[in-house]
C-alpha atoms as a PDB file:
ATOM      1  CA  TRP A   1       0.161   0.034   0.606  1.00  0.00           C
ATOM      2  CA  PHE A   2       2.700   2.487   0.964  1.00  0.00           C
ATOM      3  CA  LEU A   3       4.885   1.791  -2.399  1.00  0.00           C
ATOM      4  CA  ALA A   4       1.951   2.490  -4.451  1.00  0.00           C
ATOM      5  CA  LEU A   5       0.709   6.001  -2.144  1.00  0.00           C
ATOM      6  CA  MET A   6       4.280   6.857  -2.858  1.00  0.00           C
ATOM      7  CA  VAL A   7       3.632   6.549  -6.674  1.00  0.00           C
ATOM      8  CA  TYR A   8       0.523   8.437  -6.917  1.00  0.00           C
ATOM      9  CA  PHE A   9       1.685  11.022  -4.614  1.00  0.00           C
ATOM     10  CA  GLU A  10       5.416  11.373  -6.414  1.00  0.00           C
ATOM     11  CA  GLY A  11       3.126  12.065  -9.784  1.00  0.00           C
ATOM     12  CA  TYR A  12       2.740  14.935  -8.613  1.00  0.00           C
ATOM     13  CA  GLU A  13       5.276  17.911  -8.741  1.00  0.00           C
ATOM     14  CA  LEU A  14       4.332  20.371  -6.041  1.00  0.00           C
ATOM     15  CA  GLY A  15       8.291  20.850  -5.417  1.00  0.00           C
ATOM     16  CA  ASP A  16      10.691  21.003  -2.814  1.00  0.00           C
ATOM     17  CA  ARG A  17       8.506  20.786   0.048  1.00  0.00           C
ATOM     18  CA  TRP A  18       6.183  18.549  -1.296  1.00  0.00           C
ATOM     19  CA  LYS A  19       9.303  15.982  -1.629  1.00  0.00           C
ATOM     20  CA  ASP A  20      10.309  17.462   2.164  1.00  0.00           C
ATOM     21  CA  THR A  21       6.377  16.799   2.978  1.00  0.00           C
ATOM     22  CA  LEU A  22       6.942  12.495   1.265  1.00  0.00           C
ATOM     23  CA  GLY A  23      10.273  12.305   2.909  1.00  0.00           C
ATOM     24  CA  CYS A  24       8.817  12.976   5.869  1.00  0.00           C
ATOM     25  CA  TRP A  25       5.616  10.958   5.868  1.00  0.00           C
ATOM     26  CA  SER A  26       8.227   8.286   4.699  1.00  0.00           C
ATOM     27  CA  VAL A  27       9.616   8.308   7.747  1.00  0.00           C
ATOM     28  CA  TRP A  28       6.597   8.714   9.772  1.00  0.00           C
ATOM     29  CA  GLU A  29       5.176   5.553   7.957  1.00  0.00           C
ATOM     30  CA  GLY A  30       8.046   3.889   9.185  1.00  0.00           C
ATOM     31  CA  ARG A  31       7.895   3.938  12.471  1.00  0.00           C
ATOM     32  CA  THR A  32       5.131   1.234  12.116  1.00  0.00           C
ATOM     33  CA  GLY A  33       6.498  -0.562   9.505  1.00  0.00           C
ATOM     34  CA  PHE A  34       4.418   0.647   7.072  1.00  0.00           C
ATOM     35  CA  VAL A  35       1.779  -1.457   8.253  1.00  0.00           C
ATOM     36  CA  ASP A  36      -1.786  -0.699   6.764  1.00  0.00           C
ATOM     37  CA  LEU A  37      -4.054  -1.039  10.310  1.00  0.00           C
ATOM     38  CA  LYS A  38      -7.538  -1.391   8.935  1.00  0.00           C
ATOM     39  CA  GLY A  39     -10.802  -0.790  10.980  1.00  0.00           C
ATOM     40  CA  ALA A  40     -12.330   3.062  11.811  1.00  0.00           C
ATOM     41  CA  LYS A  41     -10.147   2.922  14.336  1.00  0.00           C
ATOM     42  CA  PHE A  42      -7.205   2.736  12.682  1.00  0.00           C
ATOM     43  CA  SER A  43      -8.659   5.936   9.922  1.00  0.00           C
ATOM     44  CA  LEU A  44      -9.336   9.668  10.617  1.00  0.00           C
ATOM     45  CA  PRO A  45     -12.840  11.027  11.517  1.00  0.00           C
ATOM     46  CA  PRO A  46     -14.859  10.407   7.904  1.00  0.00           C
ATOM     47  CA  ARG A  47     -16.871  13.804   8.844  1.00  0.00           C
ATOM     48  CA  GLY A  48     -16.974  16.067   7.429  1.00  0.00           C
ATOM     49  CA  HIS A  49     -14.196  15.527   4.802  1.00  0.00           C
ATOM     50  CA  PRO A  50     -13.995  16.827   1.504  1.00  0.00           C
ATOM     51  CA  GLU A  51     -16.773  14.984  -0.902  1.00  0.00           C
ATOM     52  CA  GLU A  52     -12.973  14.311  -3.181  1.00  0.00           C
ATOM     53  CA  ILE A  53     -11.207  12.850  -0.909  1.00  0.00           C
ATOM     54  CA  GLY A  54     -14.876  10.311  -0.357  1.00  0.00           C
ATOM     55  CA  VAL A  55     -14.732   9.551  -4.114  1.00  0.00           C
ATOM     56  CA  TRP A  56     -10.845   8.200  -3.719  1.00  0.00           C
ATOM     57  CA  ILE A  57     -11.373   6.732  -1.363  1.00  0.00           C
ATOM     58  CA  LYS A  58     -14.301   4.723  -2.613  1.00  0.00           C
ATOM     59  CA  ASN A  59     -12.156   4.103  -6.223  1.00  0.00           C
ATOM     60  CA  TYR A  60      -9.656   2.402  -4.211  1.00  0.00           C
ATOM     61  CA  GLN A  61      -7.301   5.309  -4.522  1.00  0.00           C
ATOM     62  CA  ARG A  62      -6.080   4.990  -7.928  1.00  0.00           C
ATOM     63  CA  ILE A  63      -7.812   7.985  -9.487  1.00  0.00           C
ATOM     64  CA  LYS A  64      -6.840  12.205  -9.845  1.00  0.00           C
ATOM     65  CA  PRO A  65      -9.853  14.165  -8.086  1.00  0.00           C
ATOM     66  CA  ALA A  66     -10.141  17.456 -10.146  1.00  0.00           C
ATOM     67  CA  ILE A  67     -11.162  20.133  -7.155  1.00  0.00           C
ATOM     68  CA  GLU A  68     -13.796  21.930  -9.946  1.00  0.00           C
ATOM     69  CA  SER A  69     -13.715  25.001  -6.647  1.00  0.00           C
ATOM     70  CA  ILE A  70     -10.051  24.999  -5.134  1.00  0.00           C
ATOM     71  CA  GLN A  71     -12.271  27.774  -2.581  1.00  0.00           C
ATOM     72  CA  LYS A  72     -14.936  25.063  -1.632  1.00  0.00           C
ATOM     73  CA  PHE A  73     -12.370  22.400  -1.214  1.00  0.00           C
ATOM     74  CA  ALA A  74      -9.664  24.634   0.242  1.00  0.00           C
ATOM     75  CA  ASP A  75     -12.533  25.495   2.932  1.00  0.00           C
ATOM     76  CA  ALA A  76     -13.606  21.987   3.178  1.00  0.00           C
ATOM     77  CA  TRP A  77     -10.000  20.370   3.889  1.00  0.00           C
ATOM     78  CA  TRP A  78      -9.764  23.025   6.547  1.00  0.00           C
ATOM     79  CA  THR A  79     -12.817  22.307   7.755  1.00  0.00           C
ATOM     80  CA  TRP A  80     -12.131  18.870   7.756  1.00  0.00           C
ATOM     81  CA  TRP A  81      -8.446  18.949   9.045  1.00  0.00           C
ATOM     82  CA  GLN A  82      -9.623  21.786  12.539  1.00  0.00           C
ATOM     83  CA  GLY A  83     -12.552  19.095  12.963  1.00  0.00           C
ATOM     84  CA  MET A  84     -10.075  16.757  13.589  1.00  0.00           C
ATOM     85  CA  GLN A  85      -7.389  17.809  16.126  1.00  0.00           C
ATOM     86  CA  PRO A  86      -6.990  17.261  19.650  1.00  0.00           C
ATOM     87  CA  GLU A  87      -9.145  19.680  22.023  1.00  0.00           C
ATOM     88  CA  TRP A  88      -6.281  20.628  23.890  1.00  0.00           C
ATOM     89  CA  ARG A  89      -4.795  22.652  20.538  1.00  0.00           C
ATOM     90  CA  GLY A  90      -8.274  24.940  20.066  1.00  0.00           C
ATOM     91  CA  ALA A  91      -8.694  24.906  16.491  1.00  0.00           C
ATOM     92  CA  GLN A  92     -11.672  23.525  16.443  1.00  0.00           C
ATOM     93  CA  ASP A  93     -13.721  27.157  15.416  1.00  0.00           C
ATOM     94  CA  GLY A  94     -10.675  28.890  13.583  1.00  0.00           C
ATOM     95  CA  GLY A  95     -11.997  28.984  10.175  1.00  0.00           C
ATOM     96  CA  GLY A  96     -10.520  28.721   7.402  1.00  0.00           C
ATOM     97  CA  ALA A  97      -5.655  28.337   7.254  1.00  0.00           C
ATOM     98  CA  MET A  98      -4.587  27.563  11.410  1.00  0.00           C
ATOM     99  CA  GLY A  99      -1.781  29.924  11.108  1.00  0.00           C
ATOM    100  CA  SER A 100       1.264  29.965  13.308  1.00  0.00           C
ATOM    101  CA  LYS A 101       0.268  29.704  16.815  1.00  0.00           C
ATOM    102  CA  TYR A 102      -0.776  25.808  16.009  1.00  0.00           C
ATOM    103  CA  ARG A 103       2.819  24.950  15.150  1.00  0.00           C
ATOM    104  CA  GLY A 104       5.176  25.202  18.187  1.00  0.00           C
ATOM    105  CA  ASP A 105       2.928  23.643  21.054  1.00  0.00           C
ATOM    106  CA  ILE A 106       3.280  19.309  20.194  1.00  0.00           C
ATOM    107  CA  LYS A 107       3.645  18.027  23.775  1.00  0.00           C
ATOM    108  CA  GLY A 108       0.469  17.295  23.512  1.00  0.00           C
ATOM    109  CA  ASP A 109      -1.370  13.472  22.903  1.00  0.00           C
ATOM    110  CA  TRP A 110      -2.230  13.251  19.559  1.00  0.00           C
ATOM    111  CA  GLU A 111      -3.790   9.410  18.910  1.00  0.00           C
ATOM    112  CA  LYS A 112      -6.800  11.368  17.617  1.00  0.00           C
ATOM    113  CA  VAL A 113      -4.984  11.950  13.934  1.00  0.00           C
ATOM    114  CA  GLU A 114      -1.724   9.914  14.548  1.00  0.00           C
ATOM    115  CA  LYS A 115      -3.393   6.878  12.531  1.00  0.00           C
ATOM    116  CA  HIS A 116      -1.415   5.148  10.354  1.00  0.00           C
ATOM    117  CA  GLY A 117      -1.956   2.786   6.994  1.00  0.00           C
ATOM    118  CA  GLN A 118      -3.701   3.599   3.620  1.00  0.00           C
ATOM    119  CA  ASN A 119      -7.072   4.643   5.579  1.00  0.00           C
ATOM    120  CA  GLY A 120      -4.710   7.128   7.544  1.00  0.00           C
ATOM    121  CA  PHE A 121      -2.779  10.122   7.277  1.00  0.00           C
ATOM    122  CA  ALA A 122      -2.368   9.426   3.198  1.00  0.00           C
ATOM    123  CA  SER A 123      -6.191  10.486   2.844  1.00  0.00           C
ATOM    124  CA  PRO A 124      -5.067  14.533   3.784  1.00  0.00           C
ATOM    125  CA  LEU A 125      -2.049  13.746   1.292  1.00  0.00           C
ATOM    126  CA  ALA A 126      -4.300  13.168  -0.811  1.00  0.00           C
ATOM    127  CA  GLY A 127      -5.980  16.377   0.010  1.00  0.00           C
ATOM    128  CA  LEU A 128      -2.913  18.398  -0.899  1.00  0.00           C
ATOM    129  CA  VAL A 129      -1.891  17.215  -3.234  1.00  0.00           C
ATOM    130  CA  TRP A 130      -4.692  18.076  -5.667  1.00  0.00           C
ATOM    131  CA  TRP A 131      -5.532  21.018  -4.183  1.00  0.00           C
ATOM    132  CA  GLY A 132      -1.977  21.780  -4.663  1.00  0.00           C
ATOM    133  CA  ALA A 133      -2.527  20.915  -8.621  1.00  0.00           C
ATOM    134  CA  ALA A 134      -5.006  22.573  -8.909  1.00  0.00           C
ATOM    135  CA  VAL A 135      -3.555  26.026  -8.205  1.00  0.00           C
ATOM    136  CA  MET A 136      -0.778  24.949 -10.426  1.00  0.00           C
ATOM    137  CA  ASN A 137      -2.494  24.938 -13.199  1.00  0.00           C
ATOM    138  CA  SER A 138      -5.144  27.748 -11.851  1.00  0.00           C
ATOM    139  CA  ASP A 139      -4.702  30.806 -12.791  1.00  0.00           C
ATOM    140  CA  ALA A 140      -5.123  31.874 -10.123  1.00  0.00           C
ATOM    141  CA  THR A 141      -2.059  33.789  -9.045  1.00  0.00           C
END
């Protein structure tokens, strides 16, 4: 599962920061021996995720969804991301991008989002890669 998803993610040319992100994800997944944990207990909460993520999962992570509205997708992604954050971060009601104040304190319990395997952290990464590709391919400046 891991190599197939890595090839999928590497198929998007989003620059060095994206490559660094994939490197970090590889190390993080490697800590569990790349075990593919199954079931709801090992998955991120699906409630509120962008529609494209649900379609991607249902299609066994083989499709490349087109983002029709970048703003709509971004809003849905941030709402989903914030909704799954541990309560101690105080990020649930932030709306929009999480600013720098959320990047420093990482010493709390991360069990709620520490989900390995193809139904775990790969889903937010998939959203990011489609979002990035949509922005790069748009006429927006």
